[in-house]
Amino acid sequence: MAVLKEMLKEEKERLLKMKKFYEDKIIELPKGSITFKQRGAKKYPYLVYREGKKVT
């Protein structure tokens, strides 16, 4: 039973580290979403996000 508890403890620590890692990576990403606008025959991506009530 002690072996199982130790394995669960190690797994919990690993998962907590991974959670922190992914949260840090998400914070680094730019906020907003990508939209595509068509100019002539081509489509161009734009990053769109909200600043207060204004969409930039």
PDB file of N, CA and C in Angstrom:
ATOM      1  N   MET A   1       0.822  -1.197   0.000  1.00  0.00           N
ATOM      2  CA  MET A   1       0.000   0.000   0.000  1.00  0.00           C
ATOM      3  C   MET A   1       0.867   1.263   0.000  1.00  0.00           C
ATOM      4  N   ALA A   2       2.029   1.198   0.663  1.00  0.00           N
ATOM      5  CA  ALA A   2       2.918   2.354   0.732  1.00  0.00           C
ATOM      6  C   ALA A   2       3.463   2.700  -0.652  1.00  0.00           C
ATOM      7  N   VAL A   3       3.714   1.678  -1.449  1.00  0.00           N
ATOM      8  CA  VAL A   3       4.236   1.905  -2.801  1.00  0.00           C
ATOM      9  C   VAL A   3       3.199   2.660  -3.630  1.00  0.00           C
ATOM     10  N   LEU A   4       1.948   2.276  -3.500  1.00  0.00           N
ATOM     11  CA  LEU A   4       0.877   2.931  -4.245  1.00  0.00           C
ATOM     12  C   LEU A   4       0.723   4.391  -3.828  1.00  0.00           C
ATOM     13  N   LYS A   5       0.801   4.653  -2.527  1.00  0.00           N
ATOM     14  CA  LYS A   5       0.694   6.036  -2.043  1.00  0.00           C
ATOM     15  C   LYS A   5       1.843   6.883  -2.565  1.00  0.00           C
ATOM     16  N   GLU A   6       3.041   6.308  -2.588  1.00  0.00           N
ATOM     17  CA  GLU A   6       4.205   7.038  -3.099  1.00  0.00           C
ATOM     18  C   GLU A   6       4.053   7.335  -4.586  1.00  0.00           C
ATOM     19  N   MET A   7       3.546   6.374  -5.353  1.00  0.00           N
ATOM     20  CA  MET A   7       3.312   6.587  -6.781  1.00  0.00           C
ATOM     21  C   MET A   7       2.283   7.692  -7.002  1.00  0.00           C
ATOM     22  N   LEU A   8       1.217   7.685  -6.234  1.00  0.00           N
ATOM     23  CA  LEU A   8       0.185   8.717  -6.363  1.00  0.00           C
ATOM     24  C   LEU A   8       0.724  10.094  -5.982  1.00  0.00           C
ATOM     25  N   LYS A   9       1.570  10.129  -4.961  1.00  0.00           N
ATOM     26  CA  LYS A   9       2.173  11.395  -4.548  1.00  0.00           C
ATOM     27  C   LYS A   9       3.063  11.955  -5.659  1.00  0.00           C
ATOM     28  N   GLU A  10       3.878  11.101  -6.268  1.00  0.00           N
ATOM     29  CA  GLU A  10       4.754  11.530  -7.362  1.00  0.00           C
ATOM     30  C   GLU A  10       3.939  11.991  -8.563  1.00  0.00           C
ATOM     31  N   GLU A  11       2.884  11.276  -8.866  1.00  0.00           N
ATOM     32  CA  GLU A  11       2.027  11.647 -10.003  1.00  0.00           C
ATOM     33  C   GLU A  11       1.352  12.986  -9.754  1.00  0.00           C
ATOM     34  N   LYS A  12       0.902  13.216  -8.534  1.00  0.00           N
ATOM     35  CA  LYS A  12       0.274  14.499  -8.194  1.00  0.00           C
ATOM     36  C   LYS A  12       1.263  15.639  -8.369  1.00  0.00           C
ATOM     37  N   GLU A  13       2.496  15.450  -7.895  1.00  0.00           N
ATOM     38  CA  GLU A  13       3.524  16.484  -8.041  1.00  0.00           C
ATOM     39  C   GLU A  13       3.817  16.751  -9.518  1.00  0.00           C
ATOM     40  N   ARG A  14       3.887  15.678 -10.317  1.00  0.00           N
ATOM     41  CA  ARG A  14       4.144  15.838 -11.753  1.00  0.00           C
ATOM     42  C   ARG A  14       3.020  16.616 -12.420  1.00  0.00           C
ATOM     43  N   LEU A  15       1.784  16.290 -12.072  1.00  0.00           N
ATOM     44  CA  LEU A  15       0.642  16.975 -12.671  1.00  0.00           C
ATOM     45  C   LEU A  15       0.580  18.441 -12.252  1.00  0.00           C
ATOM     46  N   LEU A  16       0.931  18.744 -11.012  1.00  0.00           N
ATOM     47  CA  LEU A  16       0.948  20.135 -10.567  1.00  0.00           C
ATOM     48  C   LEU A  16       2.016  20.936 -11.315  1.00  0.00           C
ATOM     49  N   LYS A  17       3.182  20.316 -11.554  1.00  0.00           N
ATOM     50  CA  LYS A  17       4.231  20.985 -12.331  1.00  0.00           C
ATOM     51  C   LYS A  17       3.771  21.245 -13.763  1.00  0.00           C
ATOM     52  N   MET A  18       3.106  20.254 -14.361  1.00  0.00           N
ATOM     53  CA  MET A  18       2.617  20.416 -15.722  1.00  0.00           C
ATOM     54  C   MET A  18       1.536  21.493 -15.794  1.00  0.00           C
ATOM     55  N   LYS A  19       0.674  21.549 -14.806  1.00  0.00           N
ATOM     56  CA  LYS A  19      -0.360  22.574 -14.761  1.00  0.00           C
ATOM     57  C   LYS A  19       0.272  23.958 -14.724  1.00  0.00           C
ATOM     58  N   LYS A  20       1.278  24.147 -13.878  1.00  0.00           N
ATOM     59  CA  LYS A  20       1.984  25.434 -13.784  1.00  0.00           C
ATOM     60  C   LYS A  20       2.652  25.771 -15.115  1.00  0.00           C
ATOM     61  N   PHE A  21       3.289  24.776 -15.744  1.00  0.00           N
ATOM     62  CA  PHE A  21       3.959  24.978 -17.017  1.00  0.00           C
ATOM     63  C   PHE A  21       2.969  25.472 -18.076  1.00  0.00           C
ATOM     64  N   TYR A  22       1.820  24.803 -18.191  1.00  0.00           N
ATOM     65  CA  TYR A  22       0.837  25.191 -19.209  1.00  0.00           C
ATOM     66  C   TYR A  22       0.191  26.531 -18.900  1.00  0.00           C
ATOM     67  N   GLU A  23      -0.041  26.839 -17.629  1.00  0.00           N
ATOM     68  CA  GLU A  23      -0.591  28.150 -17.277  1.00  0.00           C
ATOM     69  C   GLU A  23       0.379  29.262 -17.670  1.00  0.00           C
ATOM     70  N   ASP A  24       1.684  29.039 -17.442  1.00  0.00           N
ATOM     71  CA  ASP A  24       2.692  30.032 -17.829  1.00  0.00           C
ATOM     72  C   ASP A  24       2.737  30.203 -19.341  1.00  0.00           C
ATOM     73  N   LYS A  25       2.626  29.110 -20.078  1.00  0.00           N
ATOM     74  CA  LYS A  25       2.637  29.185 -21.544  1.00  0.00           C
ATOM     75  C   LYS A  25       1.410  29.941 -22.065  1.00  0.00           C
ATOM     76  N   ILE A  26       0.260  29.720 -21.456  1.00  0.00           N
ATOM     77  CA  ILE A  26      -0.965  30.400 -21.877  1.00  0.00           C
ATOM     78  C   ILE A  26      -0.849  31.899 -21.644  1.00  0.00           C
ATOM     79  N   ILE A  27      -0.241  32.303 -20.540  1.00  0.00           N
ATOM     80  CA  ILE A  27      -0.071  33.733 -20.243  1.00  0.00           C
ATOM     81  C   ILE A  27       0.802  34.404 -21.299  1.00  0.00           C
ATOM     82  N   GLU A  28       1.783  33.671 -21.848  1.00  0.00           N
ATOM     83  CA  GLU A  28       2.682  34.235 -22.853  1.00  0.00           C
ATOM     84  C   GLU A  28       2.006  34.461 -24.205  1.00  0.00           C
ATOM     85  N   LEU A  29       0.915  33.768 -24.469  1.00  0.00           N
ATOM     86  CA  LEU A  29       0.242  33.891 -25.755  1.00  0.00           C
ATOM     87  C   LEU A  29      -0.431  35.248 -25.895  1.00  0.00           C
ATOM     88  N   PRO A  30      -0.526  35.769 -27.125  1.00  0.00           N
ATOM     89  CA  PRO A  30      -1.216  37.039 -27.312  1.00  0.00           C
ATOM     90  C   PRO A  30      -2.707  36.881 -27.039  1.00  0.00           C
ATOM     91  N   LYS A  31      -3.290  37.942 -26.486  1.00  0.00           N
ATOM     92  CA  LYS A  31      -4.727  37.876 -26.214  1.00  0.00           C
ATOM     93  C   LYS A  31      -5.496  38.171 -27.491  1.00  0.00           C
ATOM     94  N   GLY A  32      -6.729  37.712 -27.543  1.00  0.00           N
ATOM     95  CA  GLY A  32      -7.570  37.976 -28.694  1.00  0.00           C
ATOM     96  C   GLY A  32      -7.760  36.741 -29.552  1.00  0.00           C
ATOM     97  N   SER A  33      -8.251  36.984 -30.756  1.00  0.00           N
ATOM     98  CA  SER A  33      -8.479  35.886 -31.694  1.00  0.00           C
ATOM     99  C   SER A  33      -8.096  36.349 -33.091  1.00  0.00           C
ATOM    100  N   ILE A  34      -7.896  35.388 -33.960  1.00  0.00           N
ATOM    101  CA  ILE A  34      -7.497  35.689 -35.336  1.00  0.00           C
ATOM    102  C   ILE A  34      -8.739  35.690 -36.213  1.00  0.00           C
ATOM    103  N   THR A  35      -8.891  36.755 -36.984  1.00  0.00           N
ATOM    104  CA  THR A  35      -9.958  36.823 -37.976  1.00  0.00           C
ATOM    105  C   THR A  35      -9.316  37.032 -39.338  1.00  0.00           C
ATOM    106  N   PHE A  36     -10.003  36.624 -40.378  1.00  0.00           N
ATOM    107  CA  PHE A  36      -9.492  36.782 -41.730  1.00  0.00           C
ATOM    108  C   PHE A  36     -10.348  37.797 -42.465  1.00  0.00           C
ATOM    109  N   LYS A  37      -9.684  38.749 -43.130  1.00  0.00           N
ATOM    110  CA  LYS A  37     -10.379  39.730 -43.951  1.00  0.00           C
ATOM    111  C   LYS A  37      -9.913  39.552 -45.385  1.00  0.00           C
ATOM    112  N   GLN A  38     -10.836  39.736 -46.291  1.00  0.00           N
ATOM    113  CA  GLN A  38     -10.507  39.562 -47.691  1.00  0.00           C
ATOM    114  C   GLN A  38     -10.248  40.925 -48.320  1.00  0.00           C
ATOM    115  N   ARG A  39      -9.091  41.030 -48.941  1.00  0.00           N
ATOM    116  CA  ARG A  39      -8.701  42.238 -49.671  1.00  0.00           C
ATOM    117  C   ARG A  39      -8.464  41.817 -51.106  1.00  0.00           C
ATOM    118  N   GLY A  40      -9.375  42.154 -51.979  1.00  0.00           N
ATOM    119  CA  GLY A  40      -9.270  41.703 -53.367  1.00  0.00           C
ATOM    120  C   GLY A  40      -9.494  40.204 -53.415  1.00  0.00           C
ATOM    121  N   ALA A  41      -8.529  39.486 -53.956  1.00  0.00           N
ATOM    122  CA  ALA A  41      -8.659  38.037 -54.084  1.00  0.00           C
ATOM    123  C   ALA A  41      -7.955  37.290 -52.959  1.00  0.00           C
ATOM    124  N   LYS A  42      -7.257  38.008 -52.063  1.00  0.00           N
ATOM    125  CA  LYS A  42      -6.488  37.356 -51.005  1.00  0.00           C
ATOM    126  C   LYS A  42      -7.142  37.543 -49.643  1.00  0.00           C
ATOM    127  N   LYS A  43      -6.900  36.582 -48.760  1.00  0.00           N
ATOM    128  CA  LYS A  43      -7.356  36.678 -47.373  1.00  0.00           C
ATOM    129  C   LYS A  43      -6.151  36.962 -46.494  1.00  0.00           C
ATOM    130  N   TYR A  44      -6.316  37.889 -45.529  1.00  0.00           N
ATOM    131  CA  TYR A  44      -5.244  38.250 -44.622  1.00  0.00           C
ATOM    132  C   TYR A  44      -5.693  38.044 -43.178  1.00  0.00           C
ATOM    133  N   PRO A  45      -4.806  37.458 -42.336  1.00  0.00           N
ATOM    134  CA  PRO A  45      -5.182  37.264 -40.928  1.00  0.00           C
ATOM    135  C   PRO A  45      -4.920  38.536 -40.113  1.00  0.00           C
ATOM    136  N   TYR A  46      -5.806  38.820 -39.176  1.00  0.00           N
ATOM    137  CA  TYR A  46      -5.664  39.944 -38.265  1.00  0.00           C
ATOM    138  C   TYR A  46      -5.923  39.463 -36.844  1.00  0.00           C
ATOM    139  N   LEU A  47      -5.148  39.973 -35.899  1.00  0.00           N
ATOM    140  CA  LEU A  47      -5.370  39.677 -34.494  1.00  0.00           C
ATOM    141  C   LEU A  47      -6.350  40.717 -33.959  1.00  0.00           C
ATOM    142  N   VAL A  48      -7.452  40.246 -33.383  1.00  0.00           N
ATOM    143  CA  VAL A  48      -8.509  41.130 -32.890  1.00  0.00           C
ATOM    144  C   VAL A  48      -8.667  40.916 -31.398  1.00  0.00           C
ATOM    145  N   TYR A  49      -8.694  42.019 -30.635  1.00  0.00           N
ATOM    146  CA  TYR A  49      -8.924  41.936 -29.196  1.00  0.00           C
ATOM    147  C   TYR A  49      -9.636  43.197 -28.734  1.00  0.00           C
ATOM    148  N   ARG A  50     -10.155  43.172 -27.553  1.00  0.00           N
ATOM    149  CA  ARG A  50     -10.959  44.271 -27.022  1.00  0.00           C
ATOM    150  C   ARG A  50     -10.131  45.090 -26.034  1.00  0.00           C
ATOM    151  N   GLU A  51     -10.181  46.416 -26.195  1.00  0.00           N
ATOM    152  CA  GLU A  51      -9.577  47.362 -25.248  1.00  0.00           C
ATOM    153  C   GLU A  51     -10.724  48.196 -24.689  1.00  0.00           C
ATOM    154  N   GLY A  52     -11.206  47.835 -23.532  1.00  0.00           N
ATOM    155  CA  GLY A  52     -12.377  48.500 -22.988  1.00  0.00           C
ATOM    156  C   GLY A  52     -13.586  48.155 -23.824  1.00  0.00           C
ATOM    157  N   LYS A  53     -14.202  49.166 -24.431  1.00  0.00           N
ATOM    158  CA  LYS A  53     -15.356  48.902 -25.294  1.00  0.00           C
ATOM    159  C   LYS A  53     -14.983  48.863 -26.771  1.00  0.00           C
ATOM    160  N   LYS A  54     -13.712  49.194 -27.073  1.00  0.00           N
ATOM    161  CA  LYS A  54     -13.263  49.269 -28.451  1.00  0.00           C
ATOM    162  C   LYS A  54     -12.617  47.953 -28.886  1.00  0.00           C
ATOM    163  N   VAL A  55     -12.954  47.476 -30.075  1.00  0.00           N
ATOM    164  CA  VAL A  55     -12.331  46.285 -30.645  1.00  0.00           C
ATOM    165  C   VAL A  55     -11.185  46.746 -31.531  1.00  0.00           C
ATOM    166  N   THR A  56      -9.994  46.241 -31.255  1.00  0.00           N
ATOM    167  CA  THR A  56      -8.789  46.639 -31.991  1.00  0.00           C
ATOM    168  C   THR A  56      -8.301  45.502 -32.849  1.00  0.00           C
TER     169      THR A  56
END
